[in-house]
Amino acid sequence: MAIALRLPPELDKRLTSLAHKTHRSKSYYAREALERYIEDLEDTYLALKVLENPGKIYTSEEVRKMCGLDD
């Protein structure tokens, strides 16, 4: 699936320069940037969902016991 982007001139200039210097396409770097950004967004929204409905909260003693770290 293809998408079209309108980039601000300065960002397009930077992207073009990077692609030229590294012999890669602008699409390659746009895809890389989106993959990294989407991964961060997914992590952020997952964390926000947990904060909205945290469920059971464990004490450090409970966690240590579950992990077998108690003496």
PDB file of N, CA and C in Angstrom:
ATOM      1  N   MET A   1       0.844  -1.176   0.000  1.00  0.00           N
ATOM      2  CA  MET A   1       0.000   0.000   0.000  1.00  0.00           C
ATOM      3  C   MET A   1       0.887   1.237   0.000  1.00  0.00           C
ATOM      4  N   ALA A   2       0.544   2.182  -0.800  1.00  0.00           N
ATOM      5  CA  ALA A   2       1.335   3.405  -0.910  1.00  0.00           C
ATOM      6  C   ALA A   2       0.629   4.551  -0.206  1.00  0.00           C
ATOM      7  N   ILE A   3       1.424   5.432   0.360  1.00  0.00           N
ATOM      8  CA  ILE A   3       0.890   6.665   0.930  1.00  0.00           C
ATOM      9  C   ILE A   3       1.707   7.819   0.382  1.00  0.00           C
ATOM     10  N   ALA A   4       1.103   8.987   0.366  1.00  0.00           N
ATOM     11  CA  ALA A   4       1.806  10.188  -0.084  1.00  0.00           C
ATOM     12  C   ALA A   4       1.949  11.122   1.108  1.00  0.00           C
ATOM     13  N   LEU A   5       3.104  11.729   1.220  1.00  0.00           N
ATOM     14  CA  LEU A   5       3.369  12.667   2.311  1.00  0.00           C
ATOM     15  C   LEU A   5       3.760  14.027   1.750  1.00  0.00           C
ATOM     16  N   ARG A   6       3.355  15.036   2.439  1.00  0.00           N
ATOM     17  CA  ARG A   6       3.847  16.380   2.138  1.00  0.00           C
ATOM     18  C   ARG A   6       4.768  16.757   3.296  1.00  0.00           C
ATOM     19  N   LEU A   7       6.023  16.920   2.989  1.00  0.00           N
ATOM     20  CA  LEU A   7       7.003  17.259   4.015  1.00  0.00           C
ATOM     21  C   LEU A   7       7.337  18.743   3.933  1.00  0.00           C
ATOM     22  N   PRO A   8       7.618  19.332   5.082  1.00  0.00           N
ATOM     23  CA  PRO A   8       8.118  20.712   5.048  1.00  0.00           C
ATOM     24  C   PRO A   8       9.425  20.725   4.248  1.00  0.00           C
ATOM     25  N   PRO A   9       9.689  21.808   3.530  1.00  0.00           N
ATOM     26  CA  PRO A   9      10.882  21.863   2.664  1.00  0.00           C
ATOM     27  C   PRO A   9      12.190  21.496   3.380  1.00  0.00           C
ATOM     28  N   GLU A  10      12.372  21.964   4.599  1.00  0.00           N
ATOM     29  CA  GLU A  10      13.624  21.687   5.311  1.00  0.00           C
ATOM     30  C   GLU A  10      13.765  20.198   5.622  1.00  0.00           C
ATOM     31  N   LEU A  11      12.672  19.556   6.027  1.00  0.00           N
ATOM     32  CA  LEU A  11      12.712  18.125   6.317  1.00  0.00           C
ATOM     33  C   LEU A  11      12.955  17.327   5.040  1.00  0.00           C
ATOM     34  N   ASP A  12      12.317  17.728   3.952  1.00  0.00           N
ATOM     35  CA  ASP A  12      12.536  17.048   2.673  1.00  0.00           C
ATOM     36  C   ASP A  12      13.988  17.198   2.226  1.00  0.00           C
ATOM     37  N   LYS A  13      14.546  18.368   2.449  1.00  0.00           N
ATOM     38  CA  LYS A  13      15.946  18.617   2.089  1.00  0.00           C
ATOM     39  C   LYS A  13      16.877  17.696   2.890  1.00  0.00           C
ATOM     40  N   ARG A  14      16.616  17.562   4.176  1.00  0.00           N
ATOM     41  CA  ARG A  14      17.425  16.693   5.028  1.00  0.00           C
ATOM     42  C   ARG A  14      17.292  15.237   4.613  1.00  0.00           C
ATOM     43  N   LEU A  15      16.062  14.818   4.337  1.00  0.00           N
ATOM     44  CA  LEU A  15      15.823  13.442   3.915  1.00  0.00           C
ATOM     45  C   LEU A  15      16.496  13.146   2.584  1.00  0.00           C
ATOM     46  N   THR A  16      16.398  14.057   1.664  1.00  0.00           N
ATOM     47  CA  THR A  16      17.041  13.902   0.359  1.00  0.00           C
ATOM     48  C   THR A  16      18.552  13.807   0.509  1.00  0.00           C
ATOM     49  N   SER A  17      19.109  14.662   1.338  1.00  0.00           N
ATOM     50  CA  SER A  17      20.550  14.666   1.573  1.00  0.00           C
ATOM     51  C   SER A  17      21.013  13.341   2.184  1.00  0.00           C
ATOM     52  N   LEU A  18      20.290  12.864   3.185  1.00  0.00           N
ATOM     53  CA  LEU A  18      20.636  11.596   3.825  1.00  0.00           C
ATOM     54  C   LEU A  18      20.571  10.448   2.819  1.00  0.00           C
ATOM     55  N   ALA A  19      19.515  10.407   2.036  1.00  0.00           N
ATOM     56  CA  ALA A  19      19.357   9.347   1.043  1.00  0.00           C
ATOM     57  C   ALA A  19      20.496   9.388   0.023  1.00  0.00           C
ATOM     58  N   HIS A  20      20.839  10.576  -0.396  1.00  0.00           N
ATOM     59  CA  HIS A  20      21.906  10.750  -1.390  1.00  0.00           C
ATOM     60  C   HIS A  20      23.257  10.283  -0.819  1.00  0.00           C
ATOM     61  N   LYS A  21      23.562  10.703   0.398  1.00  0.00           N
ATOM     62  CA  LYS A  21      24.852  10.371   1.015  1.00  0.00           C
ATOM     63  C   LYS A  21      25.005   8.880   1.296  1.00  0.00           C
ATOM     64  N   THR A  22      23.886   8.206   1.564  1.00  0.00           N
ATOM     65  CA  THR A  22      23.952   6.792   1.953  1.00  0.00           C
ATOM     66  C   THR A  22      23.540   5.835   0.840  1.00  0.00           C
ATOM     67  N   HIS A  23      23.181   6.395  -0.308  1.00  0.00           N
ATOM     68  CA  HIS A  23      22.757   5.593  -1.456  1.00  0.00           C
ATOM     69  C   HIS A  23      21.541   4.715  -1.135  1.00  0.00           C
ATOM     70  N   ARG A  24      20.646   5.254  -0.336  1.00  0.00           N
ATOM     71  CA  ARG A  24      19.384   4.593  -0.031  1.00  0.00           C
ATOM     72  C   ARG A  24      18.261   5.514  -0.500  1.00  0.00           C
ATOM     73  N   SER A  25      17.071   4.970  -0.596  1.00  0.00           N
ATOM     74  CA  SER A  25      15.949   5.793  -1.055  1.00  0.00           C
ATOM     75  C   SER A  25      15.336   6.586   0.101  1.00  0.00           C
ATOM     76  N   LYS A  26      14.652   7.644  -0.264  1.00  0.00           N
ATOM     77  CA  LYS A  26      13.919   8.411   0.737  1.00  0.00           C
ATOM     78  C   LYS A  26      12.830   7.527   1.352  1.00  0.00           C
ATOM     79  N   SER A  27      12.244   6.650   0.546  1.00  0.00           N
ATOM     80  CA  SER A  27      11.212   5.742   1.054  1.00  0.00           C
ATOM     81  C   SER A  27      11.768   4.821   2.137  1.00  0.00           C
ATOM     82  N   TYR A  28      13.011   4.380   1.945  1.00  0.00           N
ATOM     83  CA  TYR A  28      13.644   3.515   2.944  1.00  0.00           C
ATOM     84  C   TYR A  28      13.673   4.219   4.299  1.00  0.00           C
ATOM     85  N   TYR A  29      14.129   5.462   4.319  1.00  0.00           N
ATOM     86  CA  TYR A  29      14.239   6.193   5.587  1.00  0.00           C
ATOM     87  C   TYR A  29      12.878   6.576   6.148  1.00  0.00           C
ATOM     88  N   ALA A  30      11.919   6.888   5.288  1.00  0.00           N
ATOM     89  CA  ALA A  30      10.575   7.196   5.772  1.00  0.00           C
ATOM     90  C   ALA A  30       9.969   5.959   6.442  1.00  0.00           C
ATOM     91  N   ARG A  31      10.149   4.799   5.817  1.00  0.00           N
ATOM     92  CA  ARG A  31       9.640   3.545   6.376  1.00  0.00           C
ATOM     93  C   ARG A  31      10.322   3.241   7.715  1.00  0.00           C
ATOM     94  N   GLU A  32      11.642   3.394   7.771  1.00  0.00           N
ATOM     95  CA  GLU A  32      12.386   3.159   9.020  1.00  0.00           C
ATOM     96  C   GLU A  32      11.877   4.073  10.134  1.00  0.00           C
ATOM     97  N   ALA A  33      11.693   5.343   9.813  1.00  0.00           N
ATOM     98  CA  ALA A  33      11.230   6.307  10.814  1.00  0.00           C
ATOM     99  C   ALA A  33       9.835   5.941  11.310  1.00  0.00           C
ATOM    100  N   LEU A  34       8.953   5.568  10.406  1.00  0.00           N
ATOM    101  CA  LEU A  34       7.600   5.186  10.802  1.00  0.00           C
ATOM    102  C   LEU A  34       7.593   3.933  11.660  1.00  0.00           C
ATOM    103  N   GLU A  35       8.390   2.941  11.297  1.00  0.00           N
ATOM    104  CA  GLU A  35       8.444   1.709  12.089  1.00  0.00           C
ATOM    105  C   GLU A  35       8.892   1.995  13.516  1.00  0.00           C
ATOM    106  N   ARG A  36       9.918   2.810  13.660  1.00  0.00           N
ATOM    107  CA  ARG A  36      10.404   3.142  15.007  1.00  0.00           C
ATOM    108  C   ARG A  36       9.390   3.971  15.782  1.00  0.00           C
ATOM    109  N   TYR A  37       8.775   4.939  15.110  1.00  0.00           N
ATOM    110  CA  TYR A  37       7.827   5.816  15.775  1.00  0.00           C
ATOM    111  C   TYR A  37       6.572   5.047  16.184  1.00  0.00           C
ATOM    112  N   ILE A  38       6.087   4.189  15.306  1.00  0.00           N
ATOM    113  CA  ILE A  38       4.884   3.414  15.627  1.00  0.00           C
ATOM    114  C   ILE A  38       5.155   2.479  16.799  1.00  0.00           C
ATOM    115  N   GLU A  39       6.338   1.902  16.846  1.00  0.00           N
ATOM    116  CA  GLU A  39       6.693   1.036  17.966  1.00  0.00           C
ATOM    117  C   GLU A  39       6.636   1.817  19.278  1.00  0.00           C
ATOM    118  N   ASP A  40       7.176   3.027  19.273  1.00  0.00           N
ATOM    119  CA  ASP A  40       7.114   3.875  20.468  1.00  0.00           C
ATOM    120  C   ASP A  40       5.677   4.232  20.825  1.00  0.00           C
ATOM    121  N   LEU A  41       4.863   4.556  19.823  1.00  0.00           N
ATOM    122  CA  LEU A  41       3.456   4.889  20.073  1.00  0.00           C
ATOM    123  C   LEU A  41       2.707   3.702  20.670  1.00  0.00           C
ATOM    124  N   GLU A  42       2.950   2.513  20.127  1.00  0.00           N
ATOM    125  CA  GLU A  42       2.300   1.314  20.669  1.00  0.00           C
ATOM    126  C   GLU A  42       2.666   1.119  22.134  1.00  0.00           C
ATOM    127  N   ASP A  43       3.942   1.283  22.465  1.00  0.00           N
ATOM    128  CA  ASP A  43       4.383   1.143  23.851  1.00  0.00           C
ATOM    129  C   ASP A  43       3.728   2.200  24.737  1.00  0.00           C
ATOM    130  N   THR A  44       3.644   3.429  24.232  1.00  0.00           N
ATOM    131  CA  THR A  44       3.051   4.525  24.997  1.00  0.00           C
ATOM    132  C   THR A  44       1.583   4.255  25.284  1.00  0.00           C
ATOM    133  N   TYR A  45       0.820   3.873  24.262  1.00  0.00           N
ATOM    134  CA  TYR A  45      -0.603   3.631  24.456  1.00  0.00           C
ATOM    135  C   TYR A  45      -0.862   2.414  25.332  1.00  0.00           C
ATOM    136  N   LEU A  46      -0.026   1.401  25.241  1.00  0.00           N
ATOM    137  CA  LEU A  46      -0.157   0.246  26.114  1.00  0.00           C
ATOM    138  C   LEU A  46       0.077   0.667  27.569  1.00  0.00           C
ATOM    139  N   ALA A  47       1.114   1.465  27.797  1.00  0.00           N
ATOM    140  CA  ALA A  47       1.408   1.944  29.151  1.00  0.00           C
ATOM    141  C   ALA A  47       0.269   2.805  29.684  1.00  0.00           C
ATOM    142  N   LEU A  48      -0.291   3.680  28.848  1.00  0.00           N
ATOM    143  CA  LEU A  48      -1.410   4.519  29.280  1.00  0.00           C
ATOM    144  C   LEU A  48      -2.625   3.675  29.635  1.00  0.00           C
ATOM    145  N   LYS A  49      -2.868   2.635  28.877  1.00  0.00           N
ATOM    146  CA  LYS A  49      -3.996   1.742  29.154  1.00  0.00           C
ATOM    147  C   LYS A  49      -3.815   1.072  30.514  1.00  0.00           C
ATOM    148  N   VAL A  50      -2.604   0.642  30.803  1.00  0.00           N
ATOM    149  CA  VAL A  50      -2.317   0.009  32.091  1.00  0.00           C
ATOM    150  C   VAL A  50      -2.489   1.017  33.224  1.00  0.00           C
ATOM    151  N   LEU A  51      -2.054   2.256  33.001  1.00  0.00           N
ATOM    152  CA  LEU A  51      -2.204   3.278  34.041  1.00  0.00           C
ATOM    153  C   LEU A  51      -3.669   3.602  34.312  1.00  0.00           C
ATOM    154  N   GLU A  52      -4.505   3.547  33.285  1.00  0.00           N
ATOM    155  CA  GLU A  52      -5.931   3.818  33.455  1.00  0.00           C
ATOM    156  C   GLU A  52      -6.628   2.704  34.227  1.00  0.00           C
ATOM    157  N   ASN A  53      -6.151   1.486  34.076  1.00  0.00           N
ATOM    158  CA  ASN A  53      -6.757   0.328  34.732  1.00  0.00           C
ATOM    159  C   ASN A  53      -5.637  -0.598  35.198  1.00  0.00           C
ATOM    160  N   PRO A  54      -4.980  -0.229  36.299  1.00  0.00           N
ATOM    161  CA  PRO A  54      -3.754  -0.947  36.679  1.00  0.00           C
ATOM    162  C   PRO A  54      -3.947  -2.388  37.143  1.00  0.00           C
ATOM    163  N   GLY A  55      -5.138  -2.763  37.574  1.00  0.00           N
ATOM    164  CA  GLY A  55      -5.310  -4.127  38.073  1.00  0.00           C
ATOM    165  C   GLY A  55      -4.611  -4.298  39.416  1.00  0.00           C
ATOM    166  N   LYS A  56      -4.135  -5.487  39.674  1.00  0.00           N
ATOM    167  CA  LYS A  56      -3.482  -5.801  40.953  1.00  0.00           C
ATOM    168  C   LYS A  56      -2.133  -5.113  41.049  1.00  0.00           C
ATOM    169  N   ILE A  57      -1.893  -4.501  42.196  1.00  0.00           N
ATOM    170  CA  ILE A  57      -0.598  -3.876  42.469  1.00  0.00           C
ATOM    171  C   ILE A  57       0.099  -4.730  43.521  1.00  0.00           C
ATOM    172  N   TYR A  58       1.319  -5.139  43.219  1.00  0.00           N
ATOM    173  CA  TYR A  58       2.082  -6.016  44.092  1.00  0.00           C
ATOM    174  C   TYR A  58       3.115  -5.232  44.879  1.00  0.00           C
ATOM    175  N   THR A  59       3.334  -5.647  46.113  1.00  0.00           N
ATOM    176  CA  THR A  59       4.402  -5.064  46.907  1.00  0.00           C
ATOM    177  C   THR A  59       5.718  -5.697  46.476  1.00  0.00           C
ATOM    178  N   SER A  60       6.812  -5.071  46.848  1.00  0.00           N
ATOM    179  CA  SER A  60       8.117  -5.641  46.507  1.00  0.00           C
ATOM    180  C   SER A  60       8.308  -6.996  47.186  1.00  0.00           C
ATOM    181  N   GLU A  61       7.745  -7.141  48.393  1.00  0.00           N
ATOM    182  CA  GLU A  61       7.839  -8.438  49.085  1.00  0.00           C
ATOM    183  C   GLU A  61       7.123  -9.528  48.299  1.00  0.00           C
ATOM    184  N   GLU A  62       5.919  -9.219  47.762  1.00  0.00           N
ATOM    185  CA  GLU A  62       5.169 -10.205  46.989  1.00  0.00           C
ATOM    186  C   GLU A  62       5.928 -10.601  45.720  1.00  0.00           C
ATOM    187  N   VAL A  63       6.521  -9.627  45.073  1.00  0.00           N
ATOM    188  CA  VAL A  63       7.268  -9.897  43.839  1.00  0.00           C
ATOM    189  C   VAL A  63       8.486 -10.752  44.141  1.00  0.00           C
ATOM    190  N   ARG A  64       9.210 -10.411  45.208  1.00  0.00           N
ATOM    191  CA  ARG A  64      10.378 -11.197  45.574  1.00  0.00           C
ATOM    192  C   ARG A  64       9.986 -12.644  45.866  1.00  0.00           C
ATOM    193  N   LYS A  65       8.870 -12.822  46.556  1.00  0.00           N
ATOM    194  CA  LYS A  65       8.400 -14.163  46.900  1.00  0.00           C
ATOM    195  C   LYS A  65       8.012 -14.944  45.631  1.00  0.00           C
ATOM    196  N   MET A  66       7.268 -14.304  44.718  1.00  0.00           N
ATOM    197  CA  MET A  66       6.867 -14.960  43.466  1.00  0.00           C
ATOM    198  C   MET A  66       8.066 -15.351  42.631  1.00  0.00           C
ATOM    199  N   CYS A  67       9.128 -14.572  42.712  1.00  0.00           N
ATOM    200  CA  CYS A  67      10.342 -14.847  41.919  1.00  0.00           C
ATOM    201  C   CYS A  67      11.305 -15.765  42.642  1.00  0.00           C
ATOM    202  N   GLY A  68      10.957 -16.163  43.853  1.00  0.00           N
ATOM    203  CA  GLY A  68      11.818 -17.043  44.624  1.00  0.00           C
ATOM    204  C   GLY A  68      13.065 -16.359  45.133  1.00  0.00           C
ATOM    205  N   LEU A  69      12.971 -15.068  45.396  1.00  0.00           N
ATOM    206  CA  LEU A  69      14.140 -14.308  45.838  1.00  0.00           C
ATOM    207  C   LEU A  69      14.225 -14.158  47.354  1.00  0.00           C
ATOM    208  N   ASP A  70      13.187 -14.616  48.065  1.00  0.00           N
ATOM    209  CA  ASP A  70      13.223 -14.532  49.531  1.00  0.00           C
ATOM    210  C   ASP A  70      14.134 -15.609  50.098  1.00  0.00           C
ATOM    211  N   ASP A  71      14.794 -15.258  51.155  1.00  0.00           N
ATOM    212  CA  ASP A  71      15.689 -16.231  51.829  1.00  0.00           C
ATOM    213  C   ASP A  71      14.912 -17.174  52.662  1.00  0.00           C
TER     214      ASP A  71
END
